[in-house]
Amino acid sequence: MRFSLFAVILALAACAPEAPPAQPWQRAELVDHTYATQDGDVSSSFTFRADDSVDATYRKGDAVAGPLMFWSLDDKGVLYLGPTRNSRDMRWVKIDAKGDTVVVATHRGRQEFRKSKAK
């Protein structure tokens, strides 16, 4: 009985869809661009600057928080954000990008962002 249960689990795992491959971020698609997302009543936006800073804004209802963060790319094009230069508190892996829509795997799961030119 154990062997057959193991075989079923192994077969199901083999049929599971693979995660899409990561696409490397490029500095040019980040600098002077804003990435915004909406999740229920919470919205977030991240504006990336050439000096590796990020203007981050979080809104929930009437509450707004706007921390200054920093960003960096590793050698595989994975994006990291954090409160200090070269910190890696948040990891963004780009999964897909079409037009102004970018799908990213983050610490909060899969998120869809709208990309726009920063003002």
PDB file of N, CA and C in Angstrom:
ATOM      1  N   MET A   1       0.811  -1.194   0.000  1.00  0.00           N
ATOM      2  CA  MET A   1       0.000   0.000   0.000  1.00  0.00           C
ATOM      3  C   MET A   1       0.861   1.269   0.000  1.00  0.00           C
ATOM      4  N   ARG A   2       1.945   1.280   0.762  1.00  0.00           N
ATOM      5  CA  ARG A   2       2.812   2.451   0.800  1.00  0.00           C
ATOM      6  C   ARG A   2       3.381   2.757  -0.581  1.00  0.00           C
ATOM      7  N   PHE A   3       3.800   1.699  -1.260  1.00  0.00           N
ATOM      8  CA  PHE A   3       4.415   1.911  -2.563  1.00  0.00           C
ATOM      9  C   PHE A   3       3.427   2.550  -3.532  1.00  0.00           C
ATOM     10  N   SER A   4       2.188   2.112  -3.561  1.00  0.00           N
ATOM     11  CA  SER A   4       1.211   2.651  -4.504  1.00  0.00           C
ATOM     12  C   SER A   4       0.868   4.098  -4.158  1.00  0.00           C
ATOM     13  N   LEU A   5       0.786   4.446  -2.885  1.00  0.00           N
ATOM     14  CA  LEU A   5       0.522   5.823  -2.492  1.00  0.00           C
ATOM     15  C   LEU A   5       1.688   6.717  -2.911  1.00  0.00           C
ATOM     16  N   PHE A   6       2.904   6.238  -2.698  1.00  0.00           N
ATOM     17  CA  PHE A   6       4.087   6.985  -3.122  1.00  0.00           C
ATOM     18  C   PHE A   6       4.083   7.189  -4.629  1.00  0.00           C
ATOM     19  N   ALA A   7       3.717   6.158  -5.387  1.00  0.00           N
ATOM     20  CA  ALA A   7       3.671   6.249  -6.851  1.00  0.00           C
ATOM     21  C   ALA A   7       2.641   7.274  -7.305  1.00  0.00           C
ATOM     22  N   VAL A   8       1.496   7.338  -6.629  1.00  0.00           N
ATOM     23  CA  VAL A   8       0.456   8.313  -6.979  1.00  0.00           C
ATOM     24  C   VAL A   8       0.951   9.731  -6.707  1.00  0.00           C
ATOM     25  N   ILE A   9       1.578   9.943  -5.554  1.00  0.00           N
ATOM     26  CA  ILE A   9       2.106  11.276  -5.216  1.00  0.00           C
ATOM     27  C   ILE A   9       3.171  11.692  -6.220  1.00  0.00           C
ATOM     28  N   LEU A  10       4.047  10.781  -6.572  1.00  0.00           N
ATOM     29  CA  LEU A  10       5.094  11.072  -7.540  1.00  0.00           C
ATOM     30  C   LEU A  10       4.501  11.408  -8.900  1.00  0.00           C
ATOM     31  N   ALA A  11       3.478  10.685  -9.319  1.00  0.00           N
ATOM     32  CA  ALA A  11       2.829  10.946 -10.610  1.00  0.00           C
ATOM     33  C   ALA A  11       2.142  12.297 -10.612  1.00  0.00           C
ATOM     34  N   LEU A  12       1.475  12.657  -9.507  1.00  0.00           N
ATOM     35  CA  LEU A  12       0.818  13.961  -9.421  1.00  0.00           C
ATOM     36  C   LEU A  12       1.837  15.091  -9.453  1.00  0.00           C
ATOM     37  N   ALA A  13       2.943  14.912  -8.777  1.00  0.00           N
ATOM     38  CA  ALA A  13       3.988  15.937  -8.764  1.00  0.00           C
ATOM     39  C   ALA A  13       4.560  16.147 -10.155  1.00  0.00           C
ATOM     40  N   ALA A  14       4.682  15.077 -10.916  1.00  0.00           N
ATOM     41  CA  ALA A  14       5.215  15.181 -12.274  1.00  0.00           C
ATOM     42  C   ALA A  14       4.256  15.927 -13.195  1.00  0.00           C
ATOM     43  N   CYS A  15       2.968  15.889 -12.885  1.00  0.00           N
ATOM     44  CA  CYS A  15       1.957  16.551 -13.718  1.00  0.00           C
ATOM     45  C   CYS A  15       1.735  18.005 -13.326  1.00  0.00           C
ATOM     46  N   ALA A  16       2.270  18.430 -12.193  1.00  0.00           N
ATOM     47  CA  ALA A  16       2.067  19.801 -11.740  1.00  0.00           C
ATOM     48  C   ALA A  16       2.696  20.769 -12.728  1.00  0.00           C
ATOM     49  N   PRO A  17       2.020  21.892 -13.005  1.00  0.00           N
ATOM     50  CA  PRO A  17       2.590  22.846 -13.957  1.00  0.00           C
ATOM     51  C   PRO A  17       3.872  23.458 -13.414  1.00  0.00           C
ATOM     52  N   GLU A  18       4.822  23.658 -14.289  1.00  0.00           N
ATOM     53  CA  GLU A  18       6.080  24.271 -13.885  1.00  0.00           C
ATOM     54  C   GLU A  18       5.894  25.766 -13.729  1.00  0.00           C
ATOM     55  N   ALA A  19       6.641  26.348 -12.823  1.00  0.00           N
ATOM     56  CA  ALA A  19       6.626  27.795 -12.679  1.00  0.00           C
ATOM     57  C   ALA A  19       7.273  28.402 -13.920  1.00  0.00           C
ATOM     58  N   PRO A  20       6.734  29.514 -14.393  1.00  0.00           N
ATOM     59  CA  PRO A  20       7.351  30.134 -15.567  1.00  0.00           C
ATOM     60  C   PRO A  20       8.768  30.590 -15.248  1.00  0.00           C
ATOM     61  N   PRO A  21       9.638  30.568 -16.237  1.00  0.00           N
ATOM     62  CA  PRO A  21      11.019  30.984 -15.978  1.00  0.00           C
ATOM     63  C   PRO A  21      11.087  32.480 -15.659  1.00  0.00           C
ATOM     64  N   ALA A  22      12.028  32.815 -14.817  1.00  0.00           N
ATOM     65  CA  ALA A  22      12.227  34.214 -14.451  1.00  0.00           C
ATOM     66  C   ALA A  22      12.823  34.973 -15.629  1.00  0.00           C
ATOM     67  N   GLN A  23      12.453  36.235 -15.742  1.00  0.00           N
ATOM     68  CA  GLN A  23      13.025  37.127 -16.744  1.00  0.00           C
ATOM     69  C   GLN A  23      13.883  38.138 -15.993  1.00  0.00           C
ATOM     70  N   PRO A  24      15.120  38.328 -16.407  1.00  0.00           N
ATOM     71  CA  PRO A  24      15.970  39.272 -15.667  1.00  0.00           C
ATOM     72  C   PRO A  24      15.489  40.715 -15.812  1.00  0.00           C
ATOM     73  N   TRP A  25      15.557  41.446 -14.715  1.00  0.00           N
ATOM     74  CA  TRP A  25      15.277  42.876 -14.750  1.00  0.00           C
ATOM     75  C   TRP A  25      16.462  43.580 -15.398  1.00  0.00           C
ATOM     76  N   GLN A  26      16.197  44.671 -16.074  1.00  0.00           N
ATOM     77  CA  GLN A  26      17.229  45.534 -16.636  1.00  0.00           C
ATOM     78  C   GLN A  26      17.135  46.892 -15.949  1.00  0.00           C
ATOM     79  N   ARG A  27      18.255  47.493 -15.682  1.00  0.00           N
ATOM     80  CA  ARG A  27      18.281  48.796 -15.005  1.00  0.00           C
ATOM     81  C   ARG A  27      17.413  49.828 -15.735  1.00  0.00           C
ATOM     82  N   ALA A  28      17.461  49.822 -17.057  1.00  0.00           N
ATOM     83  CA  ALA A  28      16.719  50.816 -17.856  1.00  0.00           C
ATOM     84  C   ALA A  28      15.206  50.711 -17.688  1.00  0.00           C
ATOM     85  N   GLU A  29      14.682  49.532 -17.385  1.00  0.00           N
ATOM     86  CA  GLU A  29      13.237  49.402 -17.210  1.00  0.00           C
ATOM     87  C   GLU A  29      12.786  49.798 -15.805  1.00  0.00           C
ATOM     88  N   LEU A  30      13.745  50.052 -14.919  1.00  0.00           N
ATOM     89  CA  LEU A  30      13.439  50.460 -13.554  1.00  0.00           C
ATOM     90  C   LEU A  30      13.623  51.960 -13.336  1.00  0.00           C
ATOM     91  N   VAL A  31      14.773  52.480 -13.738  1.00  0.00           N
ATOM     92  CA  VAL A  31      15.098  53.885 -13.469  1.00  0.00           C
ATOM     93  C   VAL A  31      14.072  54.801 -14.124  1.00  0.00           C
ATOM     94  N   ASP A  32      13.551  55.723 -13.314  1.00  0.00           N
ATOM     95  CA  ASP A  32      12.539  56.701 -13.728  1.00  0.00           C
ATOM     96  C   ASP A  32      11.222  56.072 -14.154  1.00  0.00           C
ATOM     97  N   HIS A  33      10.915  54.918 -13.563  1.00  0.00           N
ATOM     98  CA  HIS A  33       9.624  54.264 -13.791  1.00  0.00           C
ATOM     99  C   HIS A  33       8.956  53.975 -12.446  1.00  0.00           C
ATOM    100  N   THR A  34       7.630  53.975 -12.478  1.00  0.00           N
ATOM    101  CA  THR A  34       6.824  53.645 -11.313  1.00  0.00           C
ATOM    102  C   THR A  34       6.086  52.346 -11.575  1.00  0.00           C
ATOM    103  N   TYR A  35       6.085  51.472 -10.588  1.00  0.00           N
ATOM    104  CA  TYR A  35       5.347  50.212 -10.634  1.00  0.00           C
ATOM    105  C   TYR A  35       4.283  50.278  -9.548  1.00  0.00           C
ATOM    106  N   ALA A  36       3.025  50.148  -9.944  1.00  0.00           N
ATOM    107  CA  ALA A  36       1.914  50.275  -8.999  1.00  0.00           C
ATOM    108  C   ALA A  36       1.049  49.025  -9.032  1.00  0.00           C
ATOM    109  N   THR A  37       0.509  48.669  -7.864  1.00  0.00           N
ATOM    110  CA  THR A  37      -0.370  47.511  -7.745  1.00  0.00           C
ATOM    111  C   THR A  37      -1.503  47.821  -6.783  1.00  0.00           C
ATOM    112  N   GLN A  38      -2.602  47.120  -6.970  1.00  0.00           N
ATOM    113  CA  GLN A  38      -3.782  47.261  -6.114  1.00  0.00           C
ATOM    114  C   GLN A  38      -4.171  45.872  -5.635  1.00  0.00           C
ATOM    115  N   ASP A  39      -4.325  45.696  -4.329  1.00  0.00           N
ATOM    116  CA  ASP A  39      -4.736  44.421  -3.758  1.00  0.00           C
ATOM    117  C   ASP A  39      -5.849  44.711  -2.759  1.00  0.00           C
ATOM    118  N   GLY A  40      -7.087  44.605  -3.209  1.00  0.00           N
ATOM    119  CA  GLY A  40      -8.220  44.952  -2.356  1.00  0.00           C
ATOM    120  C   GLY A  40      -8.207  46.438  -2.060  1.00  0.00           C
ATOM    121  N   ASP A  41      -8.211  46.793  -0.778  1.00  0.00           N
ATOM    122  CA  ASP A  41      -8.197  48.212  -0.414  1.00  0.00           C
ATOM    123  C   ASP A  41      -6.791  48.738  -0.156  1.00  0.00           C
ATOM    124  N   VAL A  42      -5.779  47.949  -0.500  1.00  0.00           N
ATOM    125  CA  VAL A  42      -4.385  48.367  -0.324  1.00  0.00           C
ATOM    126  C   VAL A  42      -3.753  48.606  -1.692  1.00  0.00           C
ATOM    127  N   SER A  43      -3.145  49.780  -1.848  1.00  0.00           N
ATOM    128  CA  SER A  43      -2.411  50.057  -3.079  1.00  0.00           C
ATOM    129  C   SER A  43      -0.970  50.386  -2.724  1.00  0.00           C
ATOM    130  N   SER A  44      -0.084  50.032  -3.630  1.00  0.00           N
ATOM    131  CA  SER A  44       1.344  50.279  -3.430  1.00  0.00           C
ATOM    132  C   SER A  44       1.925  50.815  -4.722  1.00  0.00           C
ATOM    133  N   SER A  45       2.883  51.713  -4.604  1.00  0.00           N
ATOM    134  CA  SER A  45       3.618  52.163  -5.782  1.00  0.00           C
ATOM    135  C   SER A  45       5.085  52.324  -5.415  1.00  0.00           C
ATOM    136  N   PHE A  46       5.922  52.038  -6.398  1.00  0.00           N
ATOM    137  CA  PHE A  46       7.370  52.073  -6.213  1.00  0.00           C
ATOM    138  C   PHE A  46       7.977  52.822  -7.383  1.00  0.00           C
ATOM    139  N   THR A  47       8.611  53.957  -7.114  1.00  0.00           N
ATOM    140  CA  THR A  47       9.268  54.741  -8.149  1.00  0.00           C
ATOM    141  C   THR A  47      10.773  54.598  -7.969  1.00  0.00           C
ATOM    142  N   PHE A  48      11.421  54.063  -9.000  1.00  0.00           N
ATOM    143  CA  PHE A  48      12.846  53.747  -8.953  1.00  0.00           C
ATOM    144  C   PHE A  48      13.664  54.912  -9.498  1.00  0.00           C
ATOM    145  N   ARG A  49      14.710  55.298  -8.784  1.00  0.00           N
ATOM    146  CA  ARG A  49      15.562  56.428  -9.148  1.00  0.00           C
ATOM    147  C   ARG A  49      16.959  55.946  -9.545  1.00  0.00           C
ATOM    148  N   ALA A  50      17.662  56.781 -10.295  1.00  0.00           N
ATOM    149  CA  ALA A  50      19.008  56.444 -10.778  1.00  0.00           C
ATOM    150  C   ALA A  50      20.025  56.299  -9.652  1.00  0.00           C
ATOM    151  N   ASP A  51      19.778  56.954  -8.512  1.00  0.00           N
ATOM    152  CA  ASP A  51      20.703  56.844  -7.373  1.00  0.00           C
ATOM    153  C   ASP A  51      20.427  55.600  -6.523  1.00  0.00           C
ATOM    154  N   ASP A  52      19.651  54.652  -7.067  1.00  0.00           N
ATOM    155  CA  ASP A  52      19.284  53.384  -6.419  1.00  0.00           C
ATOM    156  C   ASP A  52      18.305  53.550  -5.265  1.00  0.00           C
ATOM    157  N   SER A  53      17.655  54.705  -5.184  1.00  0.00           N
ATOM    158  CA  SER A  53      16.616  54.876  -4.174  1.00  0.00           C
ATOM    159  C   SER A  53      15.254  54.542  -4.793  1.00  0.00           C
ATOM    160  N   VAL A  54      14.302  54.256  -3.923  1.00  0.00           N
ATOM    161  CA  VAL A  54      12.934  53.939  -4.338  1.00  0.00           C
ATOM    162  C   VAL A  54      11.994  54.756  -3.473  1.00  0.00           C
ATOM    163  N   ASP A  55      11.118  55.516  -4.106  1.00  0.00           N
ATOM    164  CA  ASP A  55      10.045  56.190  -3.391  1.00  0.00           C
ATOM    165  C   ASP A  55       8.891  55.195  -3.335  1.00  0.00           C
ATOM    166  N   ALA A  56       8.643  54.635  -2.153  1.00  0.00           N
ATOM    167  CA  ALA A  56       7.578  53.641  -1.994  1.00  0.00           C
ATOM    168  C   ALA A  56       6.410  54.280  -1.269  1.00  0.00           C
ATOM    169  N   THR A  57       5.214  54.033  -1.762  1.00  0.00           N
ATOM    170  CA  THR A  57       4.009  54.551  -1.132  1.00  0.00           C
ATOM    171  C   THR A  57       3.020  53.413  -0.938  1.00  0.00           C
ATOM    172  N   TYR A  58       2.520  53.301   0.283  1.00  0.00           N
ATOM    173  CA  TYR A  58       1.508  52.302   0.617  1.00  0.00           C
ATOM    174  C   TYR A  58       0.263  53.043   1.080  1.00  0.00           C
ATOM    175  N   ARG A  59      -0.890  52.660   0.540  1.00  0.00           N
ATOM    176  CA  ARG A  59      -2.151  53.289   0.939  1.00  0.00           C
ATOM    177  C   ARG A  59      -3.153  52.213   1.351  1.00  0.00           C
ATOM    178  N   LYS A  60      -3.799  52.454   2.472  1.00  0.00           N
ATOM    179  CA  LYS A  60      -4.920  51.616   2.896  1.00  0.00           C
ATOM    180  C   LYS A  60      -5.966  52.555   3.464  1.00  0.00           C
ATOM    181  N   GLY A  61      -7.066  52.689   2.739  1.00  0.00           N
ATOM    182  CA  GLY A  61      -8.081  53.648   3.155  1.00  0.00           C
ATOM    183  C   GLY A  61      -7.493  55.046   3.134  1.00  0.00           C
ATOM    184  N   ASP A  62      -7.590  55.746   4.254  1.00  0.00           N
ATOM    185  CA  ASP A  62      -7.047  57.109   4.354  1.00  0.00           C
ATOM    186  C   ASP A  62      -5.605  57.135   4.839  1.00  0.00           C
ATOM    187  N   ALA A  63      -5.076  55.994   5.242  1.00  0.00           N
ATOM    188  CA  ALA A  63      -3.707  55.938   5.766  1.00  0.00           C
ATOM    189  C   ALA A  63      -2.705  55.816   4.620  1.00  0.00           C
ATOM    190  N   VAL A  64      -1.650  56.621   4.704  1.00  0.00           N
ATOM    191  CA  VAL A  64      -0.601  56.613   3.681  1.00  0.00           C
ATOM    192  C   VAL A  64       0.754  56.544   4.377  1.00  0.00           C
ATOM    193  N   ALA A  65       1.619  55.677   3.878  1.00  0.00           N
ATOM    194  CA  ALA A  65       2.990  55.599   4.385  1.00  0.00           C
ATOM    195  C   ALA A  65       3.922  55.705   3.183  1.00  0.00           C
ATOM    196  N   GLY A  66       4.990  56.453   3.332  1.00  0.00           N
ATOM    197  CA  GLY A  66       5.889  56.654   2.208  1.00  0.00           C
ATOM    198  C   GLY A  66       7.344  56.479   2.561  1.00  0.00           C
ATOM    199  N   PRO A  67       7.779  55.263   2.793  1.00  0.00           N
ATOM    200  CA  PRO A  67       9.186  55.075   3.154  1.00  0.00           C
ATOM    201  C   PRO A  67      10.118  55.234   1.952  1.00  0.00           C
ATOM    202  N   LEU A  68      11.314  55.668   2.232  1.00  0.00           N
ATOM    203  CA  LEU A  68      12.374  55.672   1.238  1.00  0.00           C
ATOM    204  C   LEU A  68      13.083  54.335   1.346  1.00  0.00           C
ATOM    205  N   MET A  69      13.264  53.687   0.209  1.00  0.00           N
ATOM    206  CA  MET A  69      13.934  52.402   0.179  1.00  0.00           C
ATOM    207  C   MET A  69      15.076  52.478  -0.825  1.00  0.00           C
ATOM    208  N   PHE A  70      15.816  51.406  -0.930  1.00  0.00           N
ATOM    209  CA  PHE A  70      16.889  51.296  -1.913  1.00  0.00           C
ATOM    210  C   PHE A  70      16.714  50.010  -2.690  1.00  0.00           C
ATOM    211  N   TRP A  71      17.248  49.978  -3.907  1.00  0.00           N
ATOM    212  CA  TRP A  71      17.114  48.789  -4.746  1.00  0.00           C
ATOM    213  C   TRP A  71      18.456  48.391  -5.312  1.00  0.00           C
ATOM    214  N   SER A  72      18.565  47.099  -5.665  1.00  0.00           N
ATOM    215  CA  SER A  72      19.765  46.585  -6.324  1.00  0.00           C
ATOM    216  C   SER A  72      19.371  45.367  -7.153  1.00  0.00           C
ATOM    217  N   LEU A  73      20.194  45.073  -8.150  1.00  0.00           N
ATOM    218  CA  LEU A  73      20.014  43.885  -8.989  1.00  0.00           C
ATOM    219  C   LEU A  73      21.174  42.933  -8.746  1.00  0.00           C
ATOM    220  N   ASP A  74      20.873  41.641  -8.653  1.00  0.00           N
ATOM    221  CA  ASP A  74      21.980  40.687  -8.561  1.00  0.00           C
ATOM    222  C   ASP A  74      22.426  40.312  -9.973  1.00  0.00           C
ATOM    223  N   ASP A  75      23.416  39.442 -10.076  1.00  0.00           N
ATOM    224  CA  ASP A  75      23.974  39.099 -11.391  1.00  0.00           C
ATOM    225  C   ASP A  75      23.015  38.293 -12.264  1.00  0.00           C
ATOM    226  N   LYS A  76      21.902  37.817 -11.710  1.00  0.00           N
ATOM    227  CA  LYS A  76      20.896  37.097 -12.496  1.00  0.00           C
ATOM    228  C   LYS A  76      19.705  37.981 -12.861  1.00  0.00           C
ATOM    229  N   GLY A  77      19.761  39.254 -12.483  1.00  0.00           N
ATOM    230  CA  GLY A  77      18.682  40.172 -12.801  1.00  0.00           C
ATOM    231  C   GLY A  77      17.515  40.111 -11.836  1.00  0.00           C
ATOM    232  N   VAL A  78      17.748  39.565 -10.627  1.00  0.00           N
ATOM    233  CA  VAL A  78      16.714  39.558  -9.593  1.00  0.00           C
ATOM    234  C   VAL A  78      16.788  40.888  -8.854  1.00  0.00           C
ATOM    235  N   LEU A  79      15.628  41.487  -8.621  1.00  0.00           N
ATOM    236  CA  LEU A  79      15.542  42.798  -7.985  1.00  0.00           C
ATOM    237  C   LEU A  79      15.356  42.636  -6.479  1.00  0.00           C
ATOM    238  N   TYR A  80      16.130  43.405  -5.704  1.00  0.00           N
ATOM    239  CA  TYR A  80      16.007  43.410  -4.252  1.00  0.00           C
ATOM    240  C   TYR A  80      15.744  44.830  -3.778  1.00  0.00           C
ATOM    241  N   LEU A  81      14.871  44.947  -2.776  1.00  0.00           N
ATOM    242  CA  LEU A  81      14.557  46.229  -2.167  1.00  0.00           C
ATOM    243  C   LEU A  81      14.737  46.117  -0.664  1.00  0.00           C
ATOM    244  N   GLY A  82      15.122  47.229  -0.028  1.00  0.00           N
ATOM    245  CA  GLY A  82      15.286  47.220   1.420  1.00  0.00           C
ATOM    246  C   GLY A  82      15.525  48.613   1.952  1.00  0.00           C
ATOM    247  N   PRO A  83      15.615  48.745   3.267  1.00  0.00           N
ATOM    248  CA  PRO A  83      15.757  50.051   3.902  1.00  0.00           C
ATOM    249  C   PRO A  83      17.150  50.666   3.800  1.00  0.00           C
ATOM    250  N   THR A  84      18.153  49.867   3.436  1.00  0.00           N
ATOM    251  CA  THR A  84      19.511  50.378   3.285  1.00  0.00           C
ATOM    252  C   THR A  84      20.084  49.903   1.960  1.00  0.00           C
ATOM    253  N   ARG A  85      21.123  50.558   1.512  1.00  0.00           N
ATOM    254  CA  ARG A  85      21.762  50.136   0.265  1.00  0.00           C
ATOM    255  C   ARG A  85      22.239  48.687   0.395  1.00  0.00           C
ATOM    256  N   ASN A  86      22.004  47.912  -0.647  1.00  0.00           N
ATOM    257  CA  ASN A  86      22.405  46.509  -0.727  1.00  0.00           C
ATOM    258  C   ASN A  86      21.699  45.590   0.272  1.00  0.00           C
ATOM    259  N   SER A  87      20.647  46.073   0.929  1.00  0.00           N
ATOM    260  CA  SER A  87      19.875  45.153   1.774  1.00  0.00           C
ATOM    261  C   SER A  87      18.945  44.351   0.861  1.00  0.00           C
ATOM    262  N   ARG A  88      18.554  43.190   1.317  1.00  0.00           N
ATOM    263  CA  ARG A  88      17.757  42.287   0.482  1.00  0.00           C
ATOM    264  C   ARG A  88      16.507  41.836   1.236  1.00  0.00           C
ATOM    265  N   ASP A  89      15.765  42.798   1.769  1.00  0.00           N
ATOM    266  CA  ASP A  89      14.571  42.472   2.544  1.00  0.00           C
ATOM    267  C   ASP A  89      13.421  41.986   1.664  1.00  0.00           C
ATOM    268  N   MET A  90      13.289  42.565   0.483  1.00  0.00           N
ATOM    269  CA  MET A  90      12.219  42.176  -0.448  1.00  0.00           C
ATOM    270  C   MET A  90      12.859  41.713  -1.754  1.00  0.00           C
ATOM    271  N   ARG A  91      12.333  40.614  -2.294  1.00  0.00           N
ATOM    272  CA  ARG A  91      12.868  40.040  -3.534  1.00  0.00           C
ATOM    273  C   ARG A  91      11.764  40.056  -4.578  1.00  0.00           C
ATOM    274  N   TRP A  92      12.063  40.623  -5.740  1.00  0.00           N
ATOM    275  CA  TRP A  92      11.111  40.656  -6.856  1.00  0.00           C
ATOM    276  C   TRP A  92      11.707  39.867  -8.017  1.00  0.00           C
ATOM    277  N   VAL A  93      11.014  38.828  -8.434  1.00  0.00           N
ATOM    278  CA  VAL A  93      11.422  38.039  -9.597  1.00  0.00           C
ATOM    279  C   VAL A  93      10.403  38.303 -10.695  1.00  0.00           C
ATOM    280  N   LYS A  94      10.860  38.856 -11.801  1.00  0.00           N
ATOM    281  CA  LYS A  94       9.946  39.160 -12.908  1.00  0.00           C
ATOM    282  C   LYS A  94       9.580  37.864 -13.625  1.00  0.00           C
ATOM    283  N   ILE A  95       8.289  37.605 -13.743  1.00  0.00           N
ATOM    284  CA  ILE A  95       7.790  36.400 -14.397  1.00  0.00           C
ATOM    285  C   ILE A  95       7.363  36.693 -15.829  1.00  0.00           C
ATOM    286  N   ASP A  96       6.705  37.843 -16.018  1.00  0.00           N
ATOM    287  CA  ASP A  96       6.190  38.165 -17.343  1.00  0.00           C
ATOM    288  C   ASP A  96       6.057  39.679 -17.474  1.00  0.00           C
ATOM    289  N   ALA A  97       6.205  40.170 -18.689  1.00  0.00           N
ATOM    290  CA  ALA A  97       6.024  41.593 -18.966  1.00  0.00           C
ATOM    291  C   ALA A  97       5.437  41.745 -20.356  1.00  0.00           C
ATOM    292  N   LYS A  98       4.279  42.393 -20.411  1.00  0.00           N
ATOM    293  CA  LYS A  98       3.622  42.676 -21.690  1.00  0.00           C
ATOM    294  C   LYS A  98       3.071  44.083 -21.629  1.00  0.00           C
ATOM    295  N   GLY A  99       3.600  44.953 -22.482  1.00  0.00           N
ATOM    296  CA  GLY A  99       3.147  46.340 -22.468  1.00  0.00           C
ATOM    297  C   GLY A  99       3.453  46.978 -21.135  1.00  0.00           C
ATOM    298  N   ASP A 100       2.423  47.549 -20.495  1.00  0.00           N
ATOM    299  CA  ASP A 100       2.637  48.203 -19.199  1.00  0.00           C
ATOM    300  C   ASP A 100       2.285  47.298 -18.022  1.00  0.00           C
ATOM    301  N   THR A 101       2.054  46.012 -18.278  1.00  0.00           N
ATOM    302  CA  THR A 101       1.733  45.055 -17.210  1.00  0.00           C
ATOM    303  C   THR A 101       2.939  44.159 -16.948  1.00  0.00           C
ATOM    304  N   VAL A 102       3.329  44.092 -15.681  1.00  0.00           N
ATOM    305  CA  VAL A 102       4.468  43.269 -15.278  1.00  0.00           C
ATOM    306  C   VAL A 102       4.012  42.354 -14.141  1.00  0.00           C
ATOM    307  N   VAL A 103       4.238  41.052 -14.297  1.00  0.00           N
ATOM    308  CA  VAL A 103       3.885  40.074 -13.271  1.00  0.00           C
ATOM    309  C   VAL A 103       5.160  39.705 -12.522  1.00  0.00           C
ATOM    310  N   VAL A 104       5.084  39.808 -11.197  1.00  0.00           N
ATOM    311  CA  VAL A 104       6.261  39.646 -10.348  1.00  0.00           C
ATOM    312  C   VAL A 104       5.952  38.667  -9.208  1.00  0.00           C
ATOM    313  N   ALA A 105       6.888  37.784  -8.918  1.00  0.00           N
ATOM    314  CA  ALA A 105       6.805  36.942  -7.721  1.00  0.00           C
ATOM    315  C   ALA A 105       7.488  37.706  -6.594  1.00  0.00           C
ATOM    316  N   THR A 106       6.740  37.999  -5.528  1.00  0.00           N
ATOM    317  CA  THR A 106       7.261  38.746  -4.387  1.00  0.00           C
ATOM    318  C   THR A 106       7.029  37.933  -3.113  1.00  0.00           C
ATOM    319  N   HIS A 107       7.404  38.511  -1.984  1.00  0.00           N
ATOM    320  CA  HIS A 107       7.152  37.879  -0.688  1.00  0.00           C
ATOM    321  C   HIS A 107       5.658  37.736  -0.428  1.00  0.00           C
ATOM    322  N   ARG A 108       4.833  38.480  -1.146  1.00  0.00           N
ATOM    323  CA  ARG A 108       3.376  38.402  -0.996  1.00  0.00           C
ATOM    324  C   ARG A 108       2.743  37.475  -2.023  1.00  0.00           C
ATOM    325  N   GLY A 109       3.572  36.772  -2.775  1.00  0.00           N
ATOM    326  CA  GLY A 109       3.057  35.888  -3.823  1.00  0.00           C
ATOM    327  C   GLY A 109       3.152  36.568  -5.182  1.00  0.00           C
ATOM    328  N   ARG A 110       2.352  36.101  -6.107  1.00  0.00           N
ATOM    329  CA  ARG A 110       2.349  36.626  -7.466  1.00  0.00           C
ATOM    330  C   ARG A 110       1.548  37.928  -7.498  1.00  0.00           C
ATOM    331  N   GLN A 111       2.186  39.004  -7.982  1.00  0.00           N
ATOM    332  CA  GLN A 111       1.534  40.307  -8.036  1.00  0.00           C
ATOM    333  C   GLN A 111       1.640  40.885  -9.446  1.00  0.00           C
ATOM    334  N   GLU A 112       0.604  41.594  -9.836  1.00  0.00           N
ATOM    335  CA  GLU A 112       0.588  42.256 -11.132  1.00  0.00           C
ATOM    336  C   GLU A 112       0.752  43.761 -10.916  1.00  0.00           C
ATOM    337  N   PHE A 113       1.743  44.332 -11.583  1.00  0.00           N
ATOM    338  CA  PHE A 113       2.029  45.760 -11.473  1.00  0.00           C
ATOM    339  C   PHE A 113       1.767  46.455 -12.792  1.00  0.00           C
ATOM    340  N   ARG A 114       1.390  47.720 -12.720  1.00  0.00           N
ATOM    341  CA  ARG A 114       1.277  48.585 -13.893  1.00  0.00           C
ATOM    342  C   ARG A 114       2.514  49.481 -13.913  1.00  0.00           C
ATOM    343  N   LYS A 115       3.203  49.463 -15.019  1.00  0.00           N
ATOM    344  CA  LYS A 115       4.423  50.254 -15.173  1.00  0.00           C
ATOM    345  C   LYS A 115       4.088  51.551 -15.883  1.00  0.00           C
ATOM    346  N   SER A 116       4.654  52.658 -15.388  1.00  0.00           N
ATOM    347  CA  SER A 116       4.478  53.952 -16.052  1.00  0.00           C
ATOM    348  C   SER A 116       5.749  54.771 -15.887  1.00  0.00           C
ATOM    349  N   LYS A 117       5.898  55.762 -16.731  1.00  0.00           N
ATOM    350  CA  LYS A 117       7.043  56.668 -16.641  1.00  0.00           C
ATOM    351  C   LYS A 117       6.850  57.533 -15.391  1.00  0.00           C
ATOM    352  N   ALA A 118       7.886  57.678 -14.575  1.00  0.00           N
ATOM    353  CA  ALA A 118       7.800  58.470 -13.350  1.00  0.00           C
ATOM    354  C   ALA A 118       7.620  59.942 -13.690  1.00  0.00           C
ATOM    355  N   LYS A 119       6.930  60.615 -12.825  1.00  0.00           N
ATOM    356  CA  LYS A 119       6.686  62.062 -13.018  1.00  0.00           C
ATOM    357  C   LYS A 119       7.750  62.877 -12.335  1.00  0.00           C
TER     358      LYS A 119
END
